[in-house]
């Protein structure tokens, strides 16, 4: 698998651009290859995969799991387009509290590799979007947390998105006490 990586400015967070094989039938994209991930120093032991279908203007996030059930995520959008957001929650990180945004789309076939200690969310820009997640630990409701989506000054495309009641009840970033420690 040929995969190129692009650092996103938050230590350990990368955009992955796999090869897209196209012919008259359409395209083929390999989203995971153990050896290619290991060559790049990425986690290869994923414990769970899941996906979400969402309609335009849905905002999901900003989610993460706390230790000892924290996890690495690999996220991609094989149908539609989303604005993906990642926030650094690691104490002592030079980018603590900073975030990055990028579009994930079926057309581009790009993915984002999110290390432990980051919050993740996305906003649906297309009519519908399918977002797939691979995670390195099993979902644990007791360790599941979030930061309120509008507490960091993120420039969301819509200031009145469709958000779950759960996501609207998350605490703001200013009140968040991080359990994550940055290790170079």
C-alpha atoms as a PDB file:
ATOM      1  CA  UNK A   1       0.000   0.000   0.000  1.00  0.00           C
ATOM      2  CA  UNK A   2       1.385   3.346  -0.966  1.00  0.00           C
ATOM      3  CA  UNK A   3       0.358   6.010   1.514  1.00  0.00           C
ATOM      4  CA  UNK A   4       1.597   9.525   1.924  1.00  0.00           C
ATOM      5  CA  UNK A   5       1.373  11.340   5.242  1.00  0.00           C
ATOM      6  CA  UNK A   6       1.044  15.013   6.028  1.00  0.00           C
ATOM      7  CA  UNK A   7       1.590  16.382   9.547  1.00  0.00           C
ATOM      8  CA  UNK A   8      -1.360  18.470  10.677  1.00  0.00           C
ATOM      9  CA  UNK A   9       0.520  20.620  13.195  1.00  0.00           C
ATOM     10  CA  UNK A  10      -0.623  18.751  16.317  1.00  0.00           C
ATOM     11  CA  UNK A  11       2.099  16.280  17.369  1.00  0.00           C
ATOM     12  CA  UNK A  12       1.206  12.755  16.232  1.00  0.00           C
ATOM     13  CA  UNK A  13      -1.799  13.854  14.158  1.00  0.00           C
ATOM     14  CA  UNK A  14      -1.591  13.155  10.408  1.00  0.00           C
ATOM     15  CA  UNK A  15      -3.634  13.324   7.257  1.00  0.00           C
ATOM     16  CA  UNK A  16      -3.182  10.068   5.351  1.00  0.00           C
ATOM     17  CA  UNK A  17      -3.519  10.033   1.584  1.00  0.00           C
ATOM     18  CA  UNK A  18      -3.767   6.497   0.218  1.00  0.00           C
ATOM     19  CA  UNK A  19      -3.369   5.605  -3.437  1.00  0.00           C
ATOM     20  CA  UNK A  20      -6.592   5.728  -5.436  1.00  0.00           C
ATOM     21  CA  UNK A  21      -6.765   3.132  -8.187  1.00  0.00           C
ATOM     22  CA  UNK A  22      -9.225   4.198 -10.879  1.00  0.00           C
ATOM     23  CA  UNK A  23     -10.518   2.579 -14.031  1.00  0.00           C
ATOM     24  CA  UNK A  24     -13.715   2.525 -16.095  1.00  0.00           C
ATOM     25  CA  UNK A  25     -15.590   0.795 -13.234  1.00  0.00           C
ATOM     26  CA  UNK A  26     -14.791   3.442 -10.635  1.00  0.00           C
ATOM     27  CA  UNK A  27     -12.134   3.470  -7.935  1.00  0.00           C
ATOM     28  CA  UNK A  28     -10.498   1.282  -5.304  1.00  0.00           C
ATOM     29  CA  UNK A  29      -8.930   2.554  -2.064  1.00  0.00           C
ATOM     30  CA  UNK A  30      -7.155   0.517   0.608  1.00  0.00           C
ATOM     31  CA  UNK A  31      -7.804   2.224   3.951  1.00  0.00           C
ATOM     32  CA  UNK A  32      -5.540   0.096   6.135  1.00  0.00           C
ATOM     33  CA  UNK A  33      -2.390  -1.946   5.612  1.00  0.00           C
ATOM     34  CA  UNK A  34      -0.547  -3.221   8.683  1.00  0.00           C
ATOM     35  CA  UNK A  35       2.977  -2.930   7.250  1.00  0.00           C
ATOM     36  CA  UNK A  36       2.454   0.577   5.833  1.00  0.00           C
ATOM     37  CA  UNK A  37       1.085   1.779   9.175  1.00  0.00           C
ATOM     38  CA  UNK A  38       3.968   0.211  11.111  1.00  0.00           C
ATOM     39  CA  UNK A  39       6.494   1.812   8.725  1.00  0.00           C
ATOM     40  CA  UNK A  40       5.026   5.207   9.638  1.00  0.00           C
ATOM     41  CA  UNK A  41       5.005   4.453  13.386  1.00  0.00           C
ATOM     42  CA  UNK A  42       1.198   4.314  13.561  1.00  0.00           C
ATOM     43  CA  UNK A  43      -0.926   2.115  15.806  1.00  0.00           C
ATOM     44  CA  UNK A  44      -1.918  -1.115  14.084  1.00  0.00           C
ATOM     45  CA  UNK A  45      -3.879  -2.878  16.823  1.00  0.00           C
ATOM     46  CA  UNK A  46      -7.420  -1.633  16.348  1.00  0.00           C
ATOM     47  CA  UNK A  47     -10.063  -3.117  18.654  1.00  0.00           C
ATOM     48  CA  UNK A  48     -13.276  -1.765  17.164  1.00  0.00           C
ATOM     49  CA  UNK A  49     -14.654  -0.248  13.946  1.00  0.00           C
ATOM     50  CA  UNK A  50     -17.873   1.719  13.632  1.00  0.00           C
ATOM     51  CA  UNK A  51     -19.537   4.261  11.379  1.00  0.00           C
ATOM     52  CA  UNK A  52     -22.130   7.001  11.509  1.00  0.00           C
ATOM     53  CA  UNK A  53     -24.564   8.217   8.869  1.00  0.00           C
ATOM     54  CA  UNK A  54     -25.431  11.870   9.164  1.00  0.00           C
ATOM     55  CA  UNK A  55     -27.329  14.470   7.170  1.00  0.00           C
ATOM     56  CA  UNK A  56     -26.219  17.963   6.136  1.00  0.00           C
ATOM     57  CA  UNK A  57     -25.562  20.391   9.006  1.00  0.00           C
ATOM     58  CA  UNK A  58     -25.118  17.656  11.648  1.00  0.00           C
ATOM     59  CA  UNK A  59     -22.276  18.307  14.059  1.00  0.00           C
ATOM     60  CA  UNK A  60     -20.914  15.394  16.108  1.00  0.00           C
ATOM     61  CA  UNK A  61     -18.351  15.946  18.830  1.00  0.00           C
ATOM     62  CA  UNK A  62     -16.057  16.839  20.331  1.00  0.00           C
ATOM     63  CA  UNK A  63     -15.507  13.285  21.657  1.00  0.00           C
ATOM     64  CA  UNK A  64     -12.736  11.254  23.323  1.00  0.00           C
ATOM     65  CA  UNK A  65     -12.219   8.536  25.922  1.00  0.00           C
ATOM     66  CA  UNK A  66     -10.155   9.060  29.076  1.00  0.00           C
ATOM     67  CA  UNK A  67      -7.500   6.671  30.453  1.00  0.00           C
ATOM     68  CA  UNK A  68      -7.287   3.769  30.814  1.00  0.00           C
ATOM     69  CA  UNK A  69      -9.683   3.398  27.861  1.00  0.00           C
ATOM     70  CA  UNK A  70      -8.242   6.250  25.767  1.00  0.00           C
ATOM     71  CA  UNK A  71      -7.574   5.458  22.139  1.00  0.00           C
ATOM     72  CA  UNK A  72      -5.997   6.230  18.817  1.00  0.00           C
ATOM     73  CA  UNK A  73      -8.514   6.870  16.024  1.00  0.00           C
ATOM     74  CA  UNK A  74      -8.328   6.465  12.279  1.00  0.00           C
ATOM     75  CA  UNK A  75     -11.214   8.357  10.649  1.00  0.00           C
ATOM     76  CA  UNK A  76     -12.353   8.653   7.039  1.00  0.00           C
ATOM     77  CA  UNK A  77     -15.433   9.605   5.025  1.00  0.00           C
ATOM     78  CA  UNK A  78     -16.202   7.158   2.178  1.00  0.00           C
ATOM     79  CA  UNK A  79     -19.495   8.877   1.279  1.00  0.00           C
ATOM     80  CA  UNK A  80     -19.953  12.653   1.196  1.00  0.00           C
ATOM     81  CA  UNK A  81     -17.809  15.331   2.836  1.00  0.00           C
ATOM     82  CA  UNK A  82     -17.249  16.511   6.394  1.00  0.00           C
ATOM     83  CA  UNK A  83     -15.238  19.228   8.070  1.00  0.00           C
ATOM     84  CA  UNK A  84     -13.198  17.236  10.561  1.00  0.00           C
ATOM     85  CA  UNK A  85     -11.912  18.838  13.767  1.00  0.00           C
ATOM     86  CA  UNK A  86      -9.199  17.626  16.135  1.00  0.00           C
ATOM     87  CA  UNK A  87      -8.332  19.348  19.438  1.00  0.00           C
ATOM     88  CA  UNK A  88      -5.144  18.775  21.441  1.00  0.00           C
ATOM     89  CA  UNK A  89      -6.068  17.976  25.066  1.00  0.00           C
ATOM     90  CA  UNK A  90      -2.585  16.924  26.259  1.00  0.00           C
ATOM     91  CA  UNK A  91      -1.174  18.901  29.183  1.00  0.00           C
ATOM     92  CA  UNK A  92       2.353  20.220  28.519  1.00  0.00           C
ATOM     93  CA  UNK A  93       1.842  19.936  24.763  1.00  0.00           C
ATOM     94  CA  UNK A  94       3.092  22.967  22.824  1.00  0.00           C
ATOM     95  CA  UNK A  95      -0.282  22.915  21.028  1.00  0.00           C
ATOM     96  CA  UNK A  96      -2.527  22.285  24.084  1.00  0.00           C
ATOM     97  CA  UNK A  97      -5.996  23.724  23.433  1.00  0.00           C
ATOM     98  CA  UNK A  98      -5.293  24.290  19.754  1.00  0.00           C
ATOM     99  CA  UNK A  99      -7.290  22.646  16.999  1.00  0.00           C
ATOM    100  CA  UNK A 100      -7.013  21.858  13.331  1.00  0.00           C
ATOM    101  CA  UNK A 101      -9.715  21.427  10.713  1.00  0.00           C
ATOM    102  CA  UNK A 102      -9.637  19.632   7.390  1.00  0.00           C
ATOM    103  CA  UNK A 103     -12.161  18.298   4.934  1.00  0.00           C
ATOM    104  CA  UNK A 104     -12.477  14.527   4.681  1.00  0.00           C
ATOM    105  CA  UNK A 105     -14.226  13.324   1.548  1.00  0.00           C
ATOM    106  CA  UNK A 106     -14.962  10.297  -0.570  1.00  0.00           C
ATOM    107  CA  UNK A 107     -13.530  12.088  -3.585  1.00  0.00           C
ATOM    108  CA  UNK A 108     -10.172  12.790  -1.953  1.00  0.00           C
ATOM    109  CA  UNK A 109     -10.168   9.435  -0.044  1.00  0.00           C
ATOM    110  CA  UNK A 110      -8.134  11.064   2.719  1.00  0.00           C
ATOM    111  CA  UNK A 111      -8.061   9.884   6.311  1.00  0.00           C
ATOM    112  CA  UNK A 112      -6.960  11.370   9.608  1.00  0.00           C
ATOM    113  CA  UNK A 113      -4.816   9.580  12.181  1.00  0.00           C
ATOM    114  CA  UNK A 114      -5.600  10.910  15.666  1.00  0.00           C
ATOM    115  CA  UNK A 115      -3.318   9.990  18.581  1.00  0.00           C
ATOM    116  CA  UNK A 116      -4.355   9.541  22.217  1.00  0.00           C
ATOM    117  CA  UNK A 117      -5.176  12.795  23.988  1.00  0.00           C
ATOM    118  CA  UNK A 118      -7.182  14.472  21.249  1.00  0.00           C
ATOM    119  CA  UNK A 119     -10.860  15.354  21.018  1.00  0.00           C
ATOM    120  CA  UNK A 120     -12.530  14.683  17.676  1.00  0.00           C
ATOM    121  CA  UNK A 121     -15.639  15.928  15.944  1.00  0.00           C
ATOM    122  CA  UNK A 122     -17.016  16.732  12.519  1.00  0.00           C
ATOM    123  CA  UNK A 123     -19.603  18.801  10.666  1.00  0.00           C
ATOM    124  CA  UNK A 124     -21.440  17.387   7.615  1.00  0.00           C
ATOM    125  CA  UNK A 125     -21.029  19.589   4.541  1.00  0.00           C
ATOM    126  CA  UNK A 126     -22.698  17.321   1.956  1.00  0.00           C
ATOM    127  CA  UNK A 127     -26.339  16.192   1.824  1.00  0.00           C
ATOM    128  CA  UNK A 128     -25.340  12.980   3.639  1.00  0.00           C
ATOM    129  CA  UNK A 129     -22.068  11.610   4.930  1.00  0.00           C
ATOM    130  CA  UNK A 130     -20.802   8.265   6.128  1.00  0.00           C
ATOM    131  CA  UNK A 131     -17.902   8.530   8.593  1.00  0.00           C
ATOM    132  CA  UNK A 132     -15.909   5.425   9.543  1.00  0.00           C
ATOM    133  CA  UNK A 133     -13.790   5.148  12.688  1.00  0.00           C
ATOM    134  CA  UNK A 134     -11.180   2.568  13.685  1.00  0.00           C
ATOM    135  CA  UNK A 135     -10.204   2.787  17.359  1.00  0.00           C
ATOM    136  CA  UNK A 136      -7.505   1.137  19.450  1.00  0.00           C
ATOM    137  CA  UNK A 137      -9.762   0.445  22.469  1.00  0.00           C
ATOM    138  CA  UNK A 138     -13.312  -0.797  22.846  1.00  0.00           C
ATOM    139  CA  UNK A 139     -16.022   1.772  23.550  1.00  0.00           C
ATOM    140  CA  UNK A 140     -16.420   2.338  27.290  1.00  0.00           C
ATOM    141  CA  UNK A 141     -19.398   4.448  28.396  1.00  0.00           C
ATOM    142  CA  UNK A 142     -17.715   5.115  31.779  1.00  0.00           C
ATOM    143  CA  UNK A 143     -14.695   6.636  30.018  1.00  0.00           C
ATOM    144  CA  UNK A 144     -16.536   8.454  27.234  1.00  0.00           C
ATOM    145  CA  UNK A 145     -16.253  12.251  27.453  1.00  0.00           C
ATOM    146  CA  UNK A 146     -16.550  15.383  25.391  1.00  0.00           C
ATOM    147  CA  UNK A 147     -15.875  19.088  25.141  1.00  0.00           C
ATOM    148  CA  UNK A 148     -18.672  21.448  24.094  1.00  0.00           C
ATOM    149  CA  UNK A 149     -18.456  22.025  20.350  1.00  0.00           C
ATOM    150  CA  UNK A 150     -18.579  25.832  20.480  1.00  0.00           C
ATOM    151  CA  UNK A 151     -16.221  26.450  23.422  1.00  0.00           C
ATOM    152  CA  UNK A 152     -12.971  26.799  21.436  1.00  0.00           C
ATOM    153  CA  UNK A 153     -13.788  29.435  18.802  1.00  0.00           C
ATOM    154  CA  UNK A 154     -13.880  26.912  15.957  1.00  0.00           C
ATOM    155  CA  UNK A 155     -15.216  28.424  12.717  1.00  0.00           C
ATOM    156  CA  UNK A 156     -18.011  25.949  12.065  1.00  0.00           C
ATOM    157  CA  UNK A 157     -19.848  26.424   8.730  1.00  0.00           C
ATOM    158  CA  UNK A 158     -23.155  26.827  10.566  1.00  0.00           C
ATOM    159  CA  UNK A 159     -23.660  28.445  13.967  1.00  0.00           C
ATOM    160  CA  UNK A 160     -26.904  26.521  14.493  1.00  0.00           C
ATOM    161  CA  UNK A 161     -25.959  22.950  13.544  1.00  0.00           C
ATOM    162  CA  UNK A 162     -27.970  19.835  14.318  1.00  0.00           C
ATOM    163  CA  UNK A 163     -26.405  18.599  17.574  1.00  0.00           C
ATOM    164  CA  UNK A 164     -27.439  15.823  19.958  1.00  0.00           C
ATOM    165  CA  UNK A 165     -28.654  16.694  23.452  1.00  0.00           C
ATOM    166  CA  UNK A 166     -25.688  14.767  24.827  1.00  0.00           C
ATOM    167  CA  UNK A 167     -23.157  16.797  22.828  1.00  0.00           C
ATOM    168  CA  UNK A 168     -24.840  20.070  23.845  1.00  0.00           C
ATOM    169  CA  UNK A 169     -24.411  19.135  27.538  1.00  0.00           C
ATOM    170  CA  UNK A 170     -20.619  18.684  27.392  1.00  0.00           C
ATOM    171  CA  UNK A 171     -18.575  21.119  29.471  1.00  0.00           C
ATOM    172  CA  UNK A 172     -16.705  23.976  27.856  1.00  0.00           C
ATOM    173  CA  UNK A 173     -12.979  23.729  27.234  1.00  0.00           C
ATOM    174  CA  UNK A 174     -12.250  26.348  29.940  1.00  0.00           C
ATOM    175  CA  UNK A 175     -13.751  24.012  32.581  1.00  0.00           C
ATOM    176  CA  UNK A 176     -12.047  20.856  31.319  1.00  0.00           C
ATOM    177  CA  UNK A 177      -9.333  19.285  33.481  1.00  0.00           C
ATOM    178  CA  UNK A 178      -7.261  17.099  31.191  1.00  0.00           C
ATOM    179  CA  UNK A 179      -6.107  13.614  32.223  1.00  0.00           C
ATOM    180  CA  UNK A 180      -3.786  13.485  29.199  1.00  0.00           C
ATOM    181  CA  UNK A 181      -0.049  14.238  29.435  1.00  0.00           C
ATOM    182  CA  UNK A 182       2.063  15.092  26.396  1.00  0.00           C
ATOM    183  CA  UNK A 183       5.087  12.843  25.867  1.00  0.00           C
ATOM    184  CA  UNK A 184       7.425  13.745  23.022  1.00  0.00           C
END
